[in-house]
Structures are given as C-alpha cells and as structure tokens.
Amino acid sequence: MRLLHSGKVRDVYEDRGDVILVASDRVSVYDVILPTPIPDKGKVLTRLSLWWFERLADVVPNHVISATDVPEEFAGRAVRCRRLDMVPVECIARGYLVGGGLKEYQASGAVSGVSLPPGLVEGSRLPEPVFTPTTKAPLGEHDEFITYDDVVSQEGAETAEELRHATLEIYRRGAELAAARGIIIADTKLEFGRAADGTLVLGDELLTSDSSRFWPAADWEPGRAQQSFDKQFVRDWATGTGWDKKAPAPEVPAEIVEATRARYVQAYELITGETW
C-alpha cells in the first residue's frame, strides 16, 4: 500500500486501485491533534459509519466497497473505498444552534448567509435544518464559513444544489432515526466526491461522534450548554485548561480519556442498539 494522505483522524492509502480509509484513535479539537489517543475510537467511528452508510444508501451513493477486504493490521478500523475526486467543501447541516454556528448568528443574525429568526439562544432548535457550508482547510488551519452562493461560484449551480439537497436529506433521515432512540443530532458535517463517471458520492465518515453533535433528547434545554455523546466533552476540557488552541495541545489526563471513550461507545450503542 502507498500512503496518500494523513489527516487529523484518518490515514488514506492506495491499494489495488482502491482507497483504504483507516480511522485512527487520534482526536482533534479546534483543528489541532491532541497528543493523547482515545482507545477504540477509530473502531467505534468505523463501525458506526458503516451502520449509517447501509441505512442511508438510498439517499446518495457512498464510497464503501468492503469493510472486510482490508489489511489485517487495520481490521475493524479500515474500509476499502472507491477513489473519488473530493469536492473541496465541508457540507454542514444544522438543526440546532451551537458552536461556530451560534457565534456566527450572534454576530450577524445569520449562518453562512442563511438568515435566522431573532431571539435564538444556545441549543435552540431551528425552524428547519439549514445548509451552512465551510471551506475545507488544510491540516492546522481553520475552516471558514461560506455562503451557498460561494459554493455556486466555486462548483457550479448544479453541484451546489446536489450538495445542499443530499446534505439536508441525510441529516433529516439520520436525525429522525436517532430521535426514535432518544438522541438529538444537533448538526453534522459531510464530505462528497465525484466518481469516475461523474456521480456525486458520499465519502469520509457518516453521522459519527466526530462529525456530529449528539445530545440526549431528554436533557435538551435551550439557553445552556447541552449534555453530549461526542467529542464536545474533551473539547470543553481542553478549553478549560486555558490552552490557546494552537499546537502543541496539552496531554489529556487518563480520566478524561476514559470518559471520552465512554461517550463514543454510548453513542454507538444507543444509535445502533448493539453492544460494543
């Protein structure tokens, strides 16, 4: 195999003309990789992504070829995938106001050029899910909000509409399924590429604790930070240390590592109904 790319969380290899996508146990916050891995994280993300890919395959084609035809040393954390020409847009669907979206709203009353009603607070449910794309920044740099018109200018009107429709439909379907299991999917980030025949294909990961915010529905209360089943826990810890959000990041204490791992596993079990 030949290493093509090493990202914040995943390593991408070329093998027999396909791509082997390997999910590591690395965790990044504020676009910086923490020096301490989270045990089993890569395997949890891989298995949860595969679960979602199977259930949402009718919305848009995905890149999965096989979860078993992978090198033995990567078993459980790797997927053999189709090679894609990736679209350089981070496709984000938001159903609730939180994180960077909240900051944008507080500054301008809009997110990615989408105007939102006045009076919303942290954790507010939006009247309807919105498509709020960002740039796809290189490792170590920050993604920046862009508007739908920016996507049209960059990728063309047809591709922009395909991206928006697929992103919102995946979010709608995923959020509906998760809600039946007591979980709110507040937002999610998706990545798409073009296959050799020009078809738009869903790549990377899907509705995981790294790419989405998962909240217990029973505890949801607008106006405050929400309980979460995702990496927000370790993100909050990192912020609380006084770290300046620049590399190098601080070592993560053992108790934070274990609590973060438990959240990843809990999200997997609640969504899939399977025991880790």
Protein backbone atom coordinates (compact mmCIF):
# COMPACT_ATOMS: atom_id res chain seq x y z
CA MET A 1 0.00 0.00 0.00
CA ARG A 2 1.00 3.60 -0.54
CA LEU A 3 0.15 6.36 1.95
CA LEU A 4 -1.73 9.10 0.10
CA HIS A 5 -2.70 11.37 2.96
CA SER A 6 -2.57 11.55 6.75
CA GLY A 7 -5.30 13.75 8.19
CA LYS A 8 -6.31 14.81 11.68
CA VAL A 9 -8.04 11.49 12.35
CA ARG A 10 -7.81 9.30 9.21
CA ASP A 11 -4.99 7.93 7.10
CA VAL A 12 -5.65 7.24 3.42
CA TYR A 13 -3.78 4.54 1.49
CA GLU A 14 -3.88 3.38 -2.12
CA ASP A 15 -4.27 -0.37 -2.65
CA ARG A 16 -5.06 -2.21 -5.90
CA GLY A 17 -6.53 0.94 -7.37
CA ASP A 18 -8.87 1.44 -4.40
CA VAL A 19 -8.55 3.59 -1.29
CA ILE A 20 -8.11 2.15 2.20
CA LEU A 21 -9.51 4.62 4.73
CA VAL A 22 -8.09 3.96 8.21
CA ALA A 23 -9.62 5.60 11.28
CA SER A 24 -7.01 6.18 13.99
CA ASP A 25 -7.55 6.76 17.70
CA ARG A 26 -6.33 10.34 17.30
CA VAL A 27 -8.66 13.12 18.39
CA SER A 28 -8.54 16.72 17.24
CA VAL A 29 -10.11 19.81 18.80
CA TYR A 30 -10.04 23.27 17.26
CA ASP A 31 -8.23 21.71 14.28
CA VAL A 32 -5.29 20.61 16.47
CA ILE A 33 -4.47 16.93 17.10
CA LEU A 34 -4.25 16.13 20.81
CA PRO A 35 -1.16 14.15 21.84
CA THR A 36 -3.21 11.53 23.70
CA PRO A 37 -5.26 8.93 21.73
CA ILE A 38 -8.71 7.68 22.75
CA PRO A 39 -8.65 3.84 22.82
CA ASP A 40 -11.10 2.13 20.39
CA LYS A 41 -12.18 5.47 18.93
CA GLY A 42 -11.23 4.53 15.37
CA LYS A 43 -13.09 1.24 15.52
CA VAL A 44 -16.21 2.85 17.01
CA LEU A 45 -16.26 5.54 14.31
CA THR A 46 -15.74 2.97 11.55
CA ARG A 47 -18.49 0.65 12.74
CA LEU A 48 -20.97 3.50 13.29
CA SER A 49 -20.23 4.97 9.86
CA LEU A 50 -20.82 1.59 8.22
CA TRP A 51 -24.12 1.23 10.07
CA TRP A 52 -25.29 4.59 8.73
CA PHE A 53 -23.94 4.01 5.21
CA GLU A 54 -26.03 0.87 4.97
CA ARG A 55 -29.21 2.57 6.13
CA LEU A 56 -28.91 5.73 4.05
CA ALA A 57 -27.60 4.20 0.82
CA ASP A 58 -30.84 5.09 -0.98
CA VAL A 59 -30.31 8.83 -0.41
CA VAL A 60 -26.99 9.11 -2.23
CA PRO A 61 -24.35 6.54 -3.31
CA ASN A 62 -21.46 6.09 -0.89
CA HIS A 63 -17.82 5.12 -1.30
CA VAL A 64 -17.84 1.81 0.61
CA ILE A 65 -16.57 -1.27 -1.24
CA SER A 66 -15.81 -3.58 1.70
CA ALA A 67 -15.21 -3.47 5.44
CA THR A 68 -13.54 -6.90 5.43
CA ASP A 69 -11.25 -6.80 2.39
CA VAL A 70 -8.67 -4.66 4.20
CA PRO A 71 -5.14 -5.31 5.52
CA GLU A 72 -5.21 -7.44 8.67
CA GLU A 73 -3.36 -4.87 10.76
CA PHE A 74 -6.20 -2.39 10.16
CA ALA A 75 -9.08 -4.81 10.74
CA GLY A 76 -12.04 -3.14 12.45
CA ARG A 77 -10.88 0.38 11.76
CA ALA A 78 -10.50 0.40 7.97
CA VAL A 79 -12.80 0.45 4.96
CA ARG A 80 -11.96 -0.27 1.32
CA CYS A 81 -13.44 2.58 -0.69
CA ARG A 82 -13.87 3.86 -4.22
CA ARG A 83 -11.44 6.54 -5.28
CA LEU A 84 -13.17 9.89 -5.57
CA ASP A 85 -12.31 13.37 -6.73
CA MET A 86 -13.31 15.11 -3.49
CA VAL A 87 -15.35 18.30 -3.61
CA PRO A 88 -13.46 20.97 -1.61
CA VAL A 89 -16.47 21.98 0.50
CA GLU A 90 -17.36 20.91 4.04
CA CYS A 91 -21.11 20.28 3.83
CA ILE A 92 -22.75 21.04 7.17
CA ALA A 93 -26.39 20.60 8.12
CA ARG A 94 -27.61 22.33 11.27
CA GLY A 95 -30.87 21.62 13.04
CA TYR A 96 -29.89 23.38 16.26
CA LEU A 97 -27.82 26.46 17.08
CA VAL A 98 -24.49 25.68 18.71
CA GLY A 99 -20.73 26.03 18.30
CA GLY A 100 -19.44 28.08 15.41
CA GLY A 101 -22.96 28.48 14.07
CA LEU A 102 -24.05 30.15 17.31
CA LYS A 103 -21.13 32.58 17.16
CA GLU A 104 -21.94 33.49 13.56
CA TYR A 105 -25.59 34.04 14.46
CA GLN A 106 -24.74 36.22 17.45
CA ALA A 107 -22.51 38.37 15.24
CA SER A 108 -24.76 38.72 12.21
CA GLY A 109 -28.14 37.03 12.73
CA ALA A 110 -27.19 34.54 10.02
CA VAL A 111 -25.04 31.46 9.43
CA SER A 112 -23.34 31.00 6.06
CA GLY A 113 -25.61 33.72 4.69
CA VAL A 114 -28.80 31.98 5.91
CA SER A 115 -30.83 34.46 7.98
CA LEU A 116 -32.30 33.03 11.17
CA PRO A 117 -35.10 34.35 13.43
CA PRO A 118 -34.17 36.79 16.21
CA GLY A 119 -34.02 35.70 19.85
CA LEU A 120 -32.41 32.29 19.38
CA VAL A 121 -30.07 31.07 22.12
CA GLU A 122 -27.52 28.29 22.54
CA GLY A 123 -29.19 24.97 21.79
CA SER A 124 -32.26 26.48 20.10
CA ARG A 125 -33.96 24.27 17.56
CA LEU A 126 -34.04 25.95 14.16
CA PRO A 127 -37.35 26.34 12.30
CA GLU A 128 -35.94 23.91 9.73
CA PRO A 129 -32.50 22.41 9.12
CA VAL A 130 -30.14 24.66 7.17
CA PHE A 131 -27.18 24.05 4.88
CA THR A 132 -24.18 26.01 6.18
CA PRO A 133 -21.07 25.09 4.17
CA THR A 134 -17.49 25.94 5.08
CA THR A 135 -14.15 25.85 3.37
CA LYS A 136 -12.08 22.68 3.61
CA ALA A 137 -8.91 23.99 5.20
CA PRO A 138 -5.51 22.24 5.17
CA LEU A 139 -4.28 20.48 8.33
CA GLY A 140 -3.61 23.01 11.09
CA GLU A 141 -5.78 25.73 9.56
CA HIS A 142 -9.38 26.60 10.36
CA ASP A 143 -12.42 26.10 8.14
CA GLU A 144 -14.27 29.33 7.33
CA PHE A 145 -17.99 29.80 6.72
CA ILE A 146 -19.01 30.37 3.12
CA THR A 147 -22.43 31.01 1.59
CA TYR A 148 -24.44 28.87 -0.79
CA ASP A 149 -23.69 31.44 -3.49
CA ASP A 150 -19.98 30.91 -2.80
CA VAL A 151 -20.46 27.19 -3.44
CA VAL A 152 -22.30 28.00 -6.68
CA SER A 153 -19.42 30.23 -7.78
CA GLN A 154 -16.83 27.61 -6.88
CA GLU A 155 -18.53 24.39 -8.01
CA GLY A 156 -21.37 25.45 -10.28
CA ALA A 157 -25.12 25.68 -9.68
CA GLU A 158 -25.89 22.02 -10.37
CA THR A 159 -23.25 20.67 -7.98
CA ALA A 160 -24.18 23.22 -5.31
CA GLU A 161 -27.81 22.10 -5.40
CA GLU A 162 -26.80 18.42 -5.33
CA LEU A 163 -24.64 19.05 -2.26
CA ARG A 164 -27.33 21.01 -0.43
CA HIS A 165 -30.10 18.52 -1.20
CA ALA A 166 -28.05 15.45 -0.25
CA THR A 167 -26.71 17.05 2.94
CA LEU A 168 -30.13 18.11 4.21
CA GLU A 169 -31.80 14.81 3.27
CA ILE A 170 -29.11 12.75 5.01
CA TYR A 171 -29.45 14.96 8.08
CA ARG A 172 -33.24 14.73 8.05
CA ARG A 173 -33.26 10.95 7.74
CA GLY A 174 -30.48 10.46 10.28
CA ALA A 175 -32.00 12.86 12.81
CA GLU A 176 -35.37 11.13 12.52
CA LEU A 177 -33.85 7.71 13.15
CA ALA A 178 -31.73 8.96 16.07
CA ALA A 179 -34.71 10.77 17.62
CA ALA A 180 -36.55 7.45 17.85
CA ARG A 181 -33.63 6.28 20.01
CA GLY A 182 -33.64 9.33 22.28
CA ILE A 183 -30.80 11.22 20.62
CA ILE A 184 -30.81 14.66 19.04
CA ILE A 185 -28.38 15.13 16.16
CA ALA A 186 -27.77 18.85 16.51
CA ASP A 187 -25.60 19.15 13.40
CA THR A 188 -23.36 17.09 11.16
CA LYS A 189 -20.56 17.50 8.66
CA LEU A 190 -20.40 15.55 5.40
CA GLU A 191 -17.91 15.22 2.56
CA PHE A 192 -18.67 14.33 -1.04
CA GLY A 193 -16.67 13.48 -4.14
CA ARG A 194 -17.16 12.59 -7.78
CA ALA A 195 -16.76 9.05 -9.05
CA ALA A 196 -15.09 8.44 -12.42
CA ASP A 197 -18.48 8.57 -14.16
CA GLY A 198 -19.29 11.95 -12.57
CA THR A 199 -21.75 10.63 -9.97
CA LEU A 200 -21.83 12.52 -6.66
CA VAL A 201 -20.76 10.07 -3.94
CA LEU A 202 -20.77 10.37 -0.15
CA GLY A 203 -17.31 9.77 1.33
CA ASP A 204 -15.30 10.02 4.55
CA GLU A 205 -17.43 9.22 7.63
CA LEU A 206 -21.15 9.46 8.32
CA LEU A 207 -23.06 10.68 11.39
CA THR A 208 -20.36 9.80 13.92
CA SER A 209 -19.36 11.36 17.23
CA ASP A 210 -16.52 13.15 15.43
CA SER A 211 -18.59 14.60 12.60
CA SER A 212 -21.81 15.31 14.53
CA ARG A 213 -23.12 16.62 17.82
CA PHE A 214 -25.24 14.03 19.66
CA TRP A 215 -27.38 15.19 22.61
CA PRO A 216 -29.66 13.14 24.90
CA ALA A 217 -33.14 14.35 23.95
CA ALA A 218 -34.47 14.01 27.49
CA ASP A 219 -31.96 16.57 28.78
CA TRP A 220 -32.24 19.12 25.96
CA GLU A 221 -32.83 22.64 27.27
CA PRO A 222 -32.14 25.73 25.13
CA GLY A 223 -30.14 28.50 26.72
CA ARG A 224 -27.26 26.43 28.08
CA ALA A 225 -24.57 24.00 27.03
CA GLN A 226 -26.07 20.56 26.35
CA GLN A 227 -25.07 17.15 27.62
CA SER A 228 -23.33 15.33 24.76
CA PHE A 229 -22.25 11.91 23.48
CA ASP A 230 -19.49 13.28 21.28
CA LYS A 231 -16.05 14.86 21.48
CA GLN A 232 -17.53 18.07 22.93
CA PHE A 233 -16.53 16.65 26.34
CA VAL A 234 -12.82 16.62 25.51
CA ARG A 235 -13.21 19.93 23.64
CA ASP A 236 -14.65 21.51 26.81
CA TRP A 237 -11.83 20.03 28.89
CA ALA A 238 -9.21 21.46 26.54
CA THR A 239 -10.82 24.90 26.69
CA GLY A 240 -10.91 24.74 30.49
CA THR A 241 -7.14 24.25 30.72
CA GLY A 242 -6.53 27.75 29.39
CA TRP A 243 -4.86 26.31 26.29
CA ASP A 244 -4.57 28.87 23.46
CA LYS A 245 -5.96 26.43 20.84
CA LYS A 246 -2.66 26.32 19.00
CA ALA A 247 -0.27 23.38 18.59
CA PRO A 248 1.06 21.76 20.65
CA ALA A 249 -2.01 20.74 22.61
CA PRO A 250 -1.81 19.55 26.23
CA GLU A 251 -1.70 15.88 27.23
CA VAL A 252 -5.14 14.53 28.14
CA PRO A 253 -5.49 13.05 31.67
CA ALA A 254 -6.47 9.38 31.97
CA GLU A 255 -9.87 10.15 33.49
CA ILE A 256 -10.76 12.46 30.58
CA VAL A 257 -9.60 9.82 28.08
CA GLU A 258 -11.81 7.16 29.69
CA ALA A 259 -14.84 9.47 29.96
CA THR A 260 -14.46 10.46 26.31
CA ARG A 261 -14.18 6.82 25.22
CA ALA A 262 -17.31 6.00 27.20
CA ARG A 263 -19.25 8.71 25.35
CA TYR A 264 -18.21 7.36 21.95
CA VAL A 265 -19.26 3.85 22.94
CA GLN A 266 -22.53 5.04 24.46
CA ALA A 267 -23.47 6.93 21.29
CA TYR A 268 -22.77 3.82 19.21
CA GLU A 269 -24.85 1.58 21.46
CA LEU A 270 -27.80 3.96 21.72
CA ILE A 271 -27.99 4.61 17.97
CA THR A 272 -27.43 1.07 16.71
CA GLY A 273 -28.98 -0.89 19.56
CA GLU A 274 -25.88 -3.09 19.55
CA THR A 275 -23.49 -3.79 22.44
CA TRP A 276 -19.92 -2.65 21.85
